[in-house]
C-alpha cells in the first residue's frame, strides 16, 4: 500500500474514532477498557499523548491542553494528520528514531481501529466498521505483529497475540493479533 492510500485509510479511521470520542458521556470516562488497568479517560490520554508526540516533532508544541481528554482529541488528531501529510518518506519518531512513514501509517490505522474497538467494548455499544477498512487493516495488522516485529517483542506496544480463530470476524481477528481477547467484556458483564 502506498502513502496516499494509507493517508486515506488513516483519515477514515481517525474520523470514525473521533466521532465516537465526541459522544462519550462524562459518566463513561471511568469505565474499564480491554487495555489492562486503563479507564476510558486513560485510553483517550494515551492516544492524545502519542499523537501529540509525533506532531510536535514537525509542528512544535501544541500549547495548553484541556483537562478533558475528549476536548483535546479532535485538535490533536488534526495535528497528527497535518504532520503525516507533510512529512517525507521518513518520520523521526521521538522514542524510535527515523522510520518509514508508510510503516507509521500502517501501524496507526490498525491502532485506531483497535482503540475504537476498545472504546466500544468499554462503553458496551455496537461497533460498525466499513468493510473496506477492515479488509485493508487485516493484512496491516498481520504485518505489524509478524514474527520479529518490534511491536510485539518484549517492551513492545502489543501483548502476545491470541490465536486466530476462523470463526472470528475480521475485526475480532485484528484485535486478537494485537493481544486482545475478542470476547472481552467489562468486569461484571457478559457479552
N, C-alpha and C. Protein backbone atom coordinates (compact mmCIF):
# COMPACT_ATOMS: atom_id res chain seq x y z
N UNK A 1 0.84 -1.17 0.00
CA UNK A 1 0.00 0.00 0.00
C UNK A 1 0.89 1.25 0.00
N UNK A 2 0.53 2.25 -0.77
CA UNK A 2 1.35 3.45 -0.83
C UNK A 2 0.90 4.48 0.22
N UNK A 3 1.69 5.53 0.38
CA UNK A 3 1.41 6.52 1.41
C UNK A 3 0.07 7.21 1.18
N UNK A 4 -0.27 7.51 -0.06
CA UNK A 4 -1.54 8.18 -0.35
C UNK A 4 -2.72 7.34 0.11
N UNK A 5 -2.69 6.05 -0.18
CA UNK A 5 -3.77 5.16 0.25
C UNK A 5 -3.80 5.02 1.77
N UNK A 6 -2.63 4.93 2.37
CA UNK A 6 -2.56 4.82 3.83
C UNK A 6 -3.07 6.10 4.50
N UNK A 7 -2.77 7.26 3.94
CA UNK A 7 -3.29 8.51 4.49
C UNK A 7 -4.82 8.54 4.43
N UNK A 8 -5.38 8.03 3.35
CA UNK A 8 -6.85 7.98 3.22
C UNK A 8 -7.44 7.05 4.27
N UNK A 9 -6.86 5.88 4.42
CA UNK A 9 -7.34 4.94 5.44
C UNK A 9 -7.20 5.52 6.84
N UNK A 10 -6.07 6.19 7.08
CA UNK A 10 -5.83 6.77 8.39
C UNK A 10 -6.85 7.87 8.69
N UNK A 11 -7.14 8.70 7.69
CA UNK A 11 -8.13 9.77 7.89
C UNK A 11 -9.50 9.17 8.20
N UNK A 12 -9.84 8.07 7.55
CA UNK A 12 -11.12 7.41 7.81
C UNK A 12 -11.16 6.86 9.23
N UNK A 13 -10.09 6.17 9.62
CA UNK A 13 -10.05 5.59 10.96
C UNK A 13 -10.10 6.69 12.03
N UNK A 14 -9.41 7.79 11.80
CA UNK A 14 -9.43 8.90 12.76
C UNK A 14 -10.80 9.56 12.84
N UNK A 15 -11.46 9.70 11.69
CA UNK A 15 -12.81 10.30 11.69
C UNK A 15 -13.78 9.43 12.47
N UNK A 16 -13.70 8.12 12.29
CA UNK A 16 -14.60 7.21 12.99
C UNK A 16 -14.38 7.27 14.50
N UNK A 17 -13.14 7.18 14.93
CA UNK A 17 -12.89 7.20 16.38
C UNK A 17 -13.15 8.59 16.94
N UNK A 18 -12.88 9.63 16.17
CA UNK A 18 -13.16 10.99 16.63
C UNK A 18 -14.63 11.20 16.89
N UNK A 19 -15.48 10.65 16.04
CA UNK A 19 -16.93 10.71 16.24
C UNK A 19 -17.31 10.03 17.54
N UNK A 20 -16.76 8.84 17.75
CA UNK A 20 -17.07 8.07 18.97
C UNK A 20 -16.60 8.80 20.23
N UNK A 21 -15.40 9.39 20.16
CA UNK A 21 -14.86 10.10 21.32
C UNK A 21 -15.76 11.28 21.69
N UNK A 22 -16.24 11.99 20.69
CA UNK A 22 -17.09 13.17 20.94
C UNK A 22 -18.38 12.80 21.66
N UNK A 23 -18.82 11.56 21.54
CA UNK A 23 -20.09 11.14 22.13
C UNK A 23 -19.94 10.48 23.50
N UNK A 24 -18.73 10.35 24.02
CA UNK A 24 -18.53 9.69 25.31
C UNK A 24 -19.08 10.56 26.43
N UNK A 25 -19.94 9.98 27.23
CA UNK A 25 -20.55 10.70 28.36
C UNK A 25 -19.54 10.84 29.49
N UNK A 26 -19.74 11.87 30.31
CA UNK A 26 -18.88 12.08 31.47
C UNK A 26 -18.80 10.83 32.34
N UNK A 27 -19.94 10.21 32.55
CA UNK A 27 -20.00 9.04 33.44
C UNK A 27 -19.23 7.84 32.90
N UNK A 28 -18.93 7.83 31.60
CA UNK A 28 -18.22 6.69 31.00
C UNK A 28 -16.71 6.81 31.09
N UNK A 29 -16.19 7.95 31.47
CA UNK A 29 -14.74 8.16 31.47
C UNK A 29 -14.01 7.24 32.45
N UNK A 30 -14.68 6.77 33.47
CA UNK A 30 -14.03 5.91 34.46
C UNK A 30 -14.24 4.42 34.21
N UNK A 31 -14.92 4.08 33.15
CA UNK A 31 -15.16 2.66 32.86
C UNK A 31 -13.86 1.96 32.46
N UNK A 32 -13.72 0.69 32.83
CA UNK A 32 -12.53 -0.06 32.43
C UNK A 32 -12.57 -0.37 30.93
N UNK A 33 -11.37 -0.51 30.35
CA UNK A 33 -11.24 -0.88 28.93
C UNK A 33 -10.53 -2.23 28.83
N UNK A 34 -10.46 -2.79 27.63
CA UNK A 34 -9.68 -4.02 27.45
C UNK A 34 -8.17 -3.81 27.65
N UNK A 35 -7.73 -2.56 27.71
CA UNK A 35 -6.32 -2.24 27.99
C UNK A 35 -6.13 -2.33 29.50
N UNK A 36 -5.51 -3.39 29.94
CA UNK A 36 -5.44 -3.70 31.37
C UNK A 36 -5.00 -2.51 32.22
N UNK A 37 -5.84 -2.18 33.20
CA UNK A 37 -5.55 -1.11 34.13
C UNK A 37 -5.92 0.28 33.64
N UNK A 38 -6.45 0.39 32.43
CA UNK A 38 -6.79 1.69 31.87
C UNK A 38 -8.28 1.90 31.84
N UNK A 39 -8.68 3.12 32.20
CA UNK A 39 -10.07 3.54 32.05
C UNK A 39 -10.23 4.16 30.65
N UNK A 40 -11.45 4.52 30.32
CA UNK A 40 -11.70 5.21 29.06
C UNK A 40 -10.88 6.50 29.00
N UNK A 41 -10.86 7.27 30.09
CA UNK A 41 -10.08 8.52 30.11
C UNK A 41 -8.59 8.23 29.91
N UNK A 42 -8.07 7.16 30.52
CA UNK A 42 -6.67 6.80 30.33
C UNK A 42 -6.37 6.48 28.87
N UNK A 43 -7.26 5.76 28.23
CA UNK A 43 -7.08 5.40 26.82
C UNK A 43 -7.07 6.67 25.95
N UNK A 44 -7.98 7.60 26.23
CA UNK A 44 -8.00 8.85 25.47
C UNK A 44 -6.71 9.64 25.68
N UNK A 45 -6.24 9.70 26.91
CA UNK A 45 -4.98 10.42 27.18
C UNK A 45 -3.81 9.76 26.46
N UNK A 46 -3.80 8.45 26.45
CA UNK A 46 -2.74 7.71 25.74
C UNK A 46 -2.73 8.10 24.26
N UNK A 47 -3.90 8.07 23.62
CA UNK A 47 -3.96 8.42 22.20
C UNK A 47 -3.52 9.87 21.99
N UNK A 48 -4.00 10.76 22.84
CA UNK A 48 -3.62 12.17 22.71
C UNK A 48 -2.11 12.35 22.87
N UNK A 49 -1.52 11.68 23.85
CA UNK A 49 -0.08 11.81 24.08
C UNK A 49 0.73 11.29 22.91
N UNK A 50 0.33 10.13 22.37
CA UNK A 50 1.08 9.55 21.24
C UNK A 50 0.93 10.41 19.99
N UNK A 51 -0.29 10.87 19.71
CA UNK A 51 -0.50 11.74 18.55
C UNK A 51 0.32 13.02 18.69
N UNK A 52 0.26 13.63 19.86
CA UNK A 52 0.94 14.91 20.08
C UNK A 52 2.46 14.75 20.02
N UNK A 53 2.98 13.65 20.53
CA UNK A 53 4.43 13.44 20.49
C UNK A 53 4.94 13.43 19.06
N UNK A 54 4.21 12.77 18.17
CA UNK A 54 4.62 12.73 16.76
C UNK A 54 4.43 14.10 16.11
N UNK A 55 3.28 14.72 16.34
CA UNK A 55 3.00 16.02 15.72
C UNK A 55 4.01 17.07 16.17
N UNK A 56 4.44 17.02 17.43
CA UNK A 56 5.39 18.01 17.93
C UNK A 56 6.73 17.95 17.21
N UNK A 57 7.12 16.77 16.74
CA UNK A 57 8.42 16.66 16.04
C UNK A 57 8.43 17.51 14.79
N UNK A 58 7.27 17.79 14.22
CA UNK A 58 7.20 18.57 12.98
C UNK A 58 6.54 19.93 13.15
N UNK A 59 5.60 20.03 14.08
CA UNK A 59 4.80 21.25 14.18
C UNK A 59 5.06 22.06 15.44
N UNK A 60 5.91 21.57 16.31
CA UNK A 60 6.18 22.27 17.56
C UNK A 60 5.12 21.96 18.60
N UNK A 61 5.26 22.54 19.79
CA UNK A 61 4.32 22.24 20.88
C UNK A 61 2.90 22.71 20.57
N UNK A 62 1.97 22.00 21.14
CA UNK A 62 0.55 22.29 20.95
C UNK A 62 0.10 23.50 21.74
N UNK A 63 0.62 23.64 22.91
CA UNK A 63 0.15 24.70 23.80
C UNK A 63 -0.67 24.10 24.91
N UNK A 64 -1.53 24.88 25.47
CA UNK A 64 -2.31 24.46 26.63
C UNK A 64 -3.27 23.33 26.28
N UNK A 65 -3.31 22.34 27.14
CA UNK A 65 -4.23 21.22 26.97
C UNK A 65 -5.43 21.41 27.86
N UNK A 66 -6.53 20.78 27.47
CA UNK A 66 -7.76 20.80 28.25
C UNK A 66 -7.68 19.70 29.30
N UNK A 67 -8.36 19.86 30.42
CA UNK A 67 -8.40 18.80 31.43
C UNK A 67 -9.20 17.60 30.97
N UNK A 68 -10.03 17.78 29.98
CA UNK A 68 -10.89 16.72 29.47
C UNK A 68 -10.28 16.15 28.19
N UNK A 69 -9.83 14.90 28.21
CA UNK A 69 -9.16 14.35 27.03
C UNK A 69 -10.07 14.28 25.80
N UNK A 70 -11.37 14.27 26.00
CA UNK A 70 -12.29 14.28 24.84
C UNK A 70 -12.16 15.60 24.09
N UNK A 71 -12.02 16.69 24.84
CA UNK A 71 -11.95 18.01 24.22
C UNK A 71 -10.69 18.17 23.37
N UNK A 72 -9.60 17.54 23.77
CA UNK A 72 -8.34 17.66 23.03
C UNK A 72 -8.24 16.70 21.85
N UNK A 73 -9.03 15.64 21.84
CA UNK A 73 -8.83 14.58 20.85
C UNK A 73 -8.86 15.11 19.41
N UNK A 74 -9.91 15.82 19.04
CA UNK A 74 -10.05 16.28 17.64
C UNK A 74 -8.90 17.21 17.25
N UNK A 75 -8.54 18.12 18.13
CA UNK A 75 -7.47 19.07 17.84
C UNK A 75 -6.13 18.36 17.68
N UNK A 76 -5.84 17.43 18.56
CA UNK A 76 -4.57 16.72 18.50
C UNK A 76 -4.55 15.76 17.31
N UNK A 77 -5.64 15.09 17.03
CA UNK A 77 -5.71 14.18 15.87
C UNK A 77 -5.54 14.96 14.57
N UNK A 78 -6.09 16.17 14.51
CA UNK A 78 -5.93 17.00 13.31
C UNK A 78 -4.45 17.36 13.11
N UNK A 79 -3.77 17.67 14.19
CA UNK A 79 -2.32 17.97 14.10
C UNK A 79 -1.55 16.74 13.62
N UNK A 80 -1.93 15.57 14.11
CA UNK A 80 -1.31 14.32 13.66
C UNK A 80 -1.45 14.21 12.14
N UNK A 81 -2.66 14.42 11.65
CA UNK A 81 -2.91 14.28 10.21
C UNK A 81 -2.08 15.27 9.40
N UNK A 82 -2.01 16.51 9.84
CA UNK A 82 -1.20 17.51 9.14
C UNK A 82 0.26 17.08 9.13
N UNK A 83 0.75 16.63 10.26
CA UNK A 83 2.16 16.20 10.35
C UNK A 83 2.44 15.06 9.37
N UNK A 84 1.56 14.08 9.31
CA UNK A 84 1.80 12.93 8.45
C UNK A 84 1.62 13.27 6.98
N UNK A 85 0.75 14.21 6.68
CA UNK A 85 0.56 14.62 5.28
C UNK A 85 1.72 15.45 4.76
N UNK A 86 2.46 16.09 5.65
CA UNK A 86 3.53 16.98 5.22
C UNK A 86 4.92 16.36 5.38
N UNK A 87 5.01 15.20 5.96
CA UNK A 87 6.32 14.58 6.13
C UNK A 87 6.75 13.92 4.82
N UNK A 88 8.00 13.58 4.75
CA UNK A 88 8.53 12.87 3.59
C UNK A 88 8.43 11.37 3.80
N UNK A 89 9.27 10.61 3.13
CA UNK A 89 9.20 9.15 3.24
C UNK A 89 9.65 8.60 4.59
N UNK A 90 10.30 9.46 5.39
CA UNK A 90 10.79 9.04 6.71
C UNK A 90 10.29 10.01 7.76
N UNK A 91 9.94 9.47 8.90
CA UNK A 91 9.46 10.27 10.02
C UNK A 91 10.35 9.96 11.21
N UNK A 92 10.75 10.97 11.94
CA UNK A 92 11.61 10.78 13.11
C UNK A 92 10.74 10.67 14.35
N UNK A 93 10.49 9.45 14.81
CA UNK A 93 9.67 9.24 16.00
C UNK A 93 10.48 9.51 17.26
N UNK A 94 9.85 10.18 18.24
CA UNK A 94 10.58 10.53 19.48
C UNK A 94 11.21 9.33 20.19
N UNK A 95 10.53 8.22 20.23
CA UNK A 95 11.03 7.08 21.01
C UNK A 95 11.76 6.04 20.15
N UNK A 96 11.75 6.21 18.83
CA UNK A 96 12.27 5.17 17.96
C UNK A 96 13.29 5.66 16.94
N UNK A 97 13.29 6.97 16.67
CA UNK A 97 14.20 7.49 15.65
C UNK A 97 13.55 7.45 14.28
N UNK A 98 14.35 7.50 13.21
CA UNK A 98 13.80 7.54 11.86
C UNK A 98 13.16 6.20 11.47
N UNK A 99 11.93 6.30 10.97
CA UNK A 99 11.22 5.12 10.47
C UNK A 99 10.44 5.52 9.22
N UNK A 100 10.05 4.53 8.46
CA UNK A 100 9.28 4.76 7.24
C UNK A 100 7.91 5.35 7.57
N UNK A 101 7.52 6.37 6.85
CA UNK A 101 6.20 6.97 7.03
C UNK A 101 5.10 5.94 6.71
N UNK A 102 5.35 5.11 5.71
CA UNK A 102 4.37 4.05 5.39
C UNK A 102 4.16 3.13 6.58
N UNK A 103 5.25 2.76 7.25
CA UNK A 103 5.13 1.87 8.41
C UNK A 103 4.33 2.54 9.52
N UNK A 104 4.66 3.81 9.80
CA UNK A 104 3.94 4.55 10.85
C UNK A 104 2.45 4.58 10.55
N UNK A 105 2.10 4.90 9.31
CA UNK A 105 0.68 4.96 8.95
C UNK A 105 0.01 3.59 9.04
N UNK A 106 0.70 2.54 8.61
CA UNK A 106 0.14 1.19 8.69
C UNK A 106 -0.14 0.77 10.13
N UNK A 107 0.77 1.13 11.02
CA UNK A 107 0.57 0.83 12.44
C UNK A 107 -0.58 1.67 12.99
N UNK A 108 -0.61 2.93 12.62
CA UNK A 108 -1.62 3.85 13.18
C UNK A 108 -3.04 3.49 12.75
N UNK A 109 -3.23 3.13 11.51
CA UNK A 109 -4.57 2.73 11.03
C UNK A 109 -5.10 1.60 11.90
N UNK A 110 -4.27 0.60 12.10
CA UNK A 110 -4.68 -0.56 12.90
C UNK A 110 -4.92 -0.15 14.36
N UNK A 111 -4.02 0.64 14.91
CA UNK A 111 -4.18 1.09 16.30
C UNK A 111 -5.49 1.84 16.50
N UNK A 112 -5.83 2.72 15.57
CA UNK A 112 -7.07 3.49 15.73
C UNK A 112 -8.30 2.58 15.66
N UNK A 113 -8.27 1.60 14.78
CA UNK A 113 -9.39 0.65 14.73
C UNK A 113 -9.50 -0.14 16.03
N UNK A 114 -8.36 -0.58 16.53
CA UNK A 114 -8.37 -1.39 17.76
C UNK A 114 -8.76 -0.53 18.96
N UNK A 115 -8.28 0.70 19.04
CA UNK A 115 -8.69 1.57 20.15
C UNK A 115 -10.17 1.92 20.04
N UNK A 116 -10.68 2.00 18.83
CA UNK A 116 -12.12 2.22 18.67
C UNK A 116 -12.88 0.99 19.19
N UNK A 117 -12.37 -0.18 18.92
CA UNK A 117 -12.96 -1.43 19.45
C UNK A 117 -12.88 -1.40 20.97
N UNK A 118 -11.72 -0.98 21.52
CA UNK A 118 -11.57 -0.87 22.98
C UNK A 118 -12.68 -0.01 23.56
N UNK A 119 -12.92 1.15 22.94
CA UNK A 119 -13.95 2.06 23.44
C UNK A 119 -15.34 1.45 23.32
N UNK A 120 -15.61 0.82 22.20
CA UNK A 120 -16.93 0.20 22.02
C UNK A 120 -17.18 -0.88 23.07
N UNK A 121 -16.15 -1.67 23.36
CA UNK A 121 -16.30 -2.71 24.38
C UNK A 121 -16.49 -2.09 25.77
N UNK A 122 -15.70 -1.09 26.07
CA UNK A 122 -15.80 -0.43 27.38
C UNK A 122 -17.16 0.21 27.57
N UNK A 123 -17.68 0.81 26.52
CA UNK A 123 -18.96 1.52 26.59
C UNK A 123 -20.15 0.61 26.30
N UNK A 124 -19.85 -0.61 25.89
CA UNK A 124 -20.87 -1.62 25.56
C UNK A 124 -21.84 -1.09 24.49
N UNK A 125 -21.24 -0.59 23.41
CA UNK A 125 -22.01 -0.13 22.26
C UNK A 125 -21.57 -0.93 21.04
N UNK A 126 -22.46 -1.06 20.06
CA UNK A 126 -22.08 -1.80 18.84
C UNK A 126 -20.96 -1.08 18.09
N UNK A 127 -20.17 -1.84 17.40
CA UNK A 127 -19.08 -1.29 16.59
C UNK A 127 -19.33 -1.65 15.14
N UNK A 128 -19.45 -0.64 14.31
CA UNK A 128 -19.60 -0.84 12.88
C UNK A 128 -18.36 -0.26 12.21
N UNK A 129 -17.70 -1.09 11.42
CA UNK A 129 -16.51 -0.67 10.70
C UNK A 129 -16.77 -0.92 9.22
N UNK A 130 -16.50 0.07 8.36
CA UNK A 130 -16.66 -0.17 6.93
C UNK A 130 -15.86 -1.39 6.48
N UNK A 131 -16.48 -2.24 5.70
CA UNK A 131 -15.84 -3.49 5.28
C UNK A 131 -14.50 -3.23 4.58
N UNK A 132 -14.43 -2.21 3.75
CA UNK A 132 -13.18 -1.92 3.03
C UNK A 132 -12.06 -1.56 4.00
N UNK A 133 -12.41 -0.88 5.08
CA UNK A 133 -11.40 -0.51 6.08
C UNK A 133 -10.91 -1.75 6.82
N UNK A 134 -11.82 -2.61 7.22
CA UNK A 134 -11.43 -3.88 7.88
C UNK A 134 -10.54 -4.70 6.96
N UNK A 135 -10.95 -4.82 5.70
CA UNK A 135 -10.19 -5.64 4.75
C UNK A 135 -8.80 -5.10 4.51
N UNK A 136 -8.65 -3.77 4.50
CA UNK A 136 -7.34 -3.17 4.33
C UNK A 136 -6.50 -3.29 5.61
N UNK A 137 -7.15 -3.23 6.77
CA UNK A 137 -6.43 -3.25 8.04
C UNK A 137 -5.93 -4.64 8.43
N UNK A 138 -6.62 -5.69 8.02
CA UNK A 138 -6.20 -7.03 8.45
C UNK A 138 -4.79 -7.38 7.99
N UNK A 139 -4.43 -7.20 6.72
CA UNK A 139 -3.03 -7.50 6.36
C UNK A 139 -2.03 -6.57 7.04
N UNK A 140 -2.44 -5.33 7.32
CA UNK A 140 -1.55 -4.43 8.06
C UNK A 140 -1.33 -4.96 9.47
N UNK A 141 -2.39 -5.42 10.12
CA UNK A 141 -2.27 -5.98 11.48
C UNK A 141 -1.37 -7.21 11.47
N UNK A 142 -1.51 -8.04 10.44
CA UNK A 142 -0.65 -9.24 10.36
C UNK A 142 0.81 -8.83 10.17
N UNK A 143 1.05 -7.81 9.35
CA UNK A 143 2.43 -7.35 9.14
C UNK A 143 2.99 -6.72 10.42
N UNK A 144 2.16 -5.95 11.12
CA UNK A 144 2.61 -5.27 12.35
C UNK A 144 2.96 -6.25 13.46
N UNK A 145 2.36 -7.43 13.43
CA UNK A 145 2.56 -8.41 14.50
C UNK A 145 3.31 -9.66 14.03
N UNK A 146 3.89 -9.59 12.85
CA UNK A 146 4.63 -10.74 12.31
C UNK A 146 5.83 -11.04 13.21
N UNK A 147 6.30 -12.28 13.19
CA UNK A 147 7.48 -12.61 13.98
C UNK A 147 8.63 -11.64 13.67
N UNK A 148 9.26 -11.17 14.72
CA UNK A 148 10.35 -10.22 14.57
C UNK A 148 9.93 -8.76 14.61
N UNK A 149 8.63 -8.50 14.62
CA UNK A 149 8.17 -7.12 14.70
C UNK A 149 8.56 -6.52 16.04
N UNK A 150 9.07 -5.29 16.05
CA UNK A 150 9.42 -4.67 17.33
C UNK A 150 8.19 -4.36 18.19
N UNK A 151 7.01 -4.40 17.59
CA UNK A 151 5.80 -4.05 18.32
C UNK A 151 5.32 -5.15 19.27
N UNK A 152 5.65 -6.41 18.96
CA UNK A 152 5.18 -7.47 19.86
C UNK A 152 6.34 -8.22 20.51
N UNK A 153 7.48 -7.60 20.55
CA UNK A 153 8.61 -8.16 21.29
C UNK A 153 8.56 -7.63 22.72
N UNK A 154 9.34 -8.18 23.63
CA UNK A 154 9.36 -7.64 24.99
C UNK A 154 9.61 -6.13 24.96
N UNK A 155 8.78 -5.41 25.69
CA UNK A 155 8.87 -3.95 25.71
C UNK A 155 8.16 -3.29 24.54
N UNK A 156 7.55 -4.08 23.66
CA UNK A 156 6.83 -3.54 22.52
C UNK A 156 5.45 -3.04 22.92
N UNK A 157 4.74 -2.53 21.95
CA UNK A 157 3.43 -1.91 22.21
C UNK A 157 2.32 -2.94 22.41
N UNK A 158 2.50 -4.15 21.88
CA UNK A 158 1.41 -5.13 21.91
C UNK A 158 1.71 -6.29 22.84
N UNK A 159 0.64 -6.87 23.32
CA UNK A 159 0.75 -8.11 24.09
C UNK A 159 0.84 -9.27 23.09
N UNK A 160 1.22 -10.45 23.55
CA UNK A 160 1.26 -11.58 22.63
C UNK A 160 -0.11 -11.80 22.00
N UNK A 161 -0.14 -12.14 20.72
CA UNK A 161 -1.43 -12.31 20.04
C UNK A 161 -2.20 -13.52 20.55
N UNK A 162 -3.52 -13.38 20.48
CA UNK A 162 -4.39 -14.53 20.70
C UNK A 162 -4.35 -15.34 19.41
N UNK A 163 -4.60 -16.63 19.50
CA UNK A 163 -4.63 -17.46 18.30
C UNK A 163 -5.76 -17.02 17.37
N UNK A 164 -5.51 -17.13 16.07
CA UNK A 164 -6.54 -16.77 15.10
C UNK A 164 -7.60 -17.86 15.08
N UNK A 165 -8.84 -17.45 15.08
CA UNK A 165 -9.98 -18.35 15.03
C UNK A 165 -10.74 -18.06 13.74
N UNK A 166 -10.87 -19.05 12.85
CA UNK A 166 -11.56 -18.81 11.59
C UNK A 166 -13.01 -18.36 11.77
N UNK A 167 -13.58 -18.59 12.94
CA UNK A 167 -14.96 -18.16 13.20
C UNK A 167 -15.04 -16.67 13.54
N UNK A 168 -13.90 -16.05 13.84
CA UNK A 168 -13.89 -14.63 14.20
C UNK A 168 -14.14 -13.75 12.99
N UNK A 169 -14.74 -12.60 13.24
CA UNK A 169 -14.87 -11.58 12.20
C UNK A 169 -13.48 -11.01 11.91
N UNK A 170 -13.37 -10.24 10.85
CA UNK A 170 -12.08 -9.61 10.55
C UNK A 170 -11.64 -8.69 11.70
N UNK A 171 -12.60 -7.95 12.25
CA UNK A 171 -12.25 -7.03 13.34
C UNK A 171 -11.79 -7.80 14.57
N UNK A 172 -12.46 -8.90 14.89
CA UNK A 172 -12.03 -9.72 16.04
C UNK A 172 -10.65 -10.33 15.79
N UNK A 173 -10.36 -10.67 14.55
CA UNK A 173 -9.03 -11.19 14.22
C UNK A 173 -7.98 -10.11 14.41
N UNK A 174 -8.29 -8.89 13.98
CA UNK A 174 -7.35 -7.78 14.15
C UNK A 174 -7.07 -7.54 15.64
N UNK A 175 -8.10 -7.49 16.46
CA UNK A 175 -7.86 -7.22 17.89
C UNK A 175 -7.11 -8.38 18.54
N UNK A 176 -7.38 -9.60 18.10
CA UNK A 176 -6.65 -10.76 18.64
C UNK A 176 -5.17 -10.70 18.27
N UNK A 177 -4.87 -10.25 17.06
CA UNK A 177 -3.47 -10.12 16.64
C UNK A 177 -2.72 -9.13 17.53
N UNK A 178 -3.42 -8.11 18.01
CA UNK A 178 -2.79 -7.11 18.87
C UNK A 178 -2.85 -7.48 20.34
N UNK A 179 -3.24 -8.72 20.65
CA UNK A 179 -3.17 -9.22 22.02
C UNK A 179 -4.39 -8.99 22.86
N UNK A 180 -5.52 -8.68 22.22
CA UNK A 180 -6.76 -8.51 22.98
C UNK A 180 -7.64 -9.74 22.80
N UNK A 181 -8.38 -10.04 23.84
CA UNK A 181 -9.33 -11.15 23.78
C UNK A 181 -10.59 -10.63 23.09
N UNK A 182 -10.93 -11.15 21.90
CA UNK A 182 -12.10 -10.67 21.19
C UNK A 182 -13.41 -10.83 21.97
N UNK A 183 -13.39 -11.65 23.01
CA UNK A 183 -14.61 -11.88 23.79
C UNK A 183 -14.64 -11.04 25.08
N UNK A 184 -13.71 -10.09 25.21
CA UNK A 184 -13.60 -9.27 26.41
C UNK A 184 -14.89 -8.48 26.64
N UNK A 185 -15.33 -8.48 27.89
CA UNK A 185 -16.42 -7.63 28.32
C UNK A 185 -16.01 -6.97 29.63
N UNK A 186 -16.61 -5.84 29.97
CA UNK A 186 -16.26 -5.20 31.25
C UNK A 186 -16.53 -6.13 32.41
N UNK A 187 -15.75 -6.05 33.48
CA UNK A 187 -16.00 -6.89 34.64
C UNK A 187 -17.45 -6.79 35.09
N UNK A 188 -18.03 -7.95 35.39
CA UNK A 188 -19.41 -7.98 35.86
C UNK A 188 -20.45 -8.01 34.75
N UNK A 189 -20.00 -8.02 33.49
CA UNK A 189 -20.94 -8.06 32.37
C UNK A 189 -20.66 -9.26 31.50
N UNK A 190 -21.64 -9.67 30.76
CA UNK A 190 -21.44 -10.76 29.80
C UNK A 190 -21.68 -10.21 28.40
N UNK A 191 -21.15 -10.90 27.41
CA UNK A 191 -21.30 -10.41 26.03
C UNK A 191 -22.66 -10.73 25.48
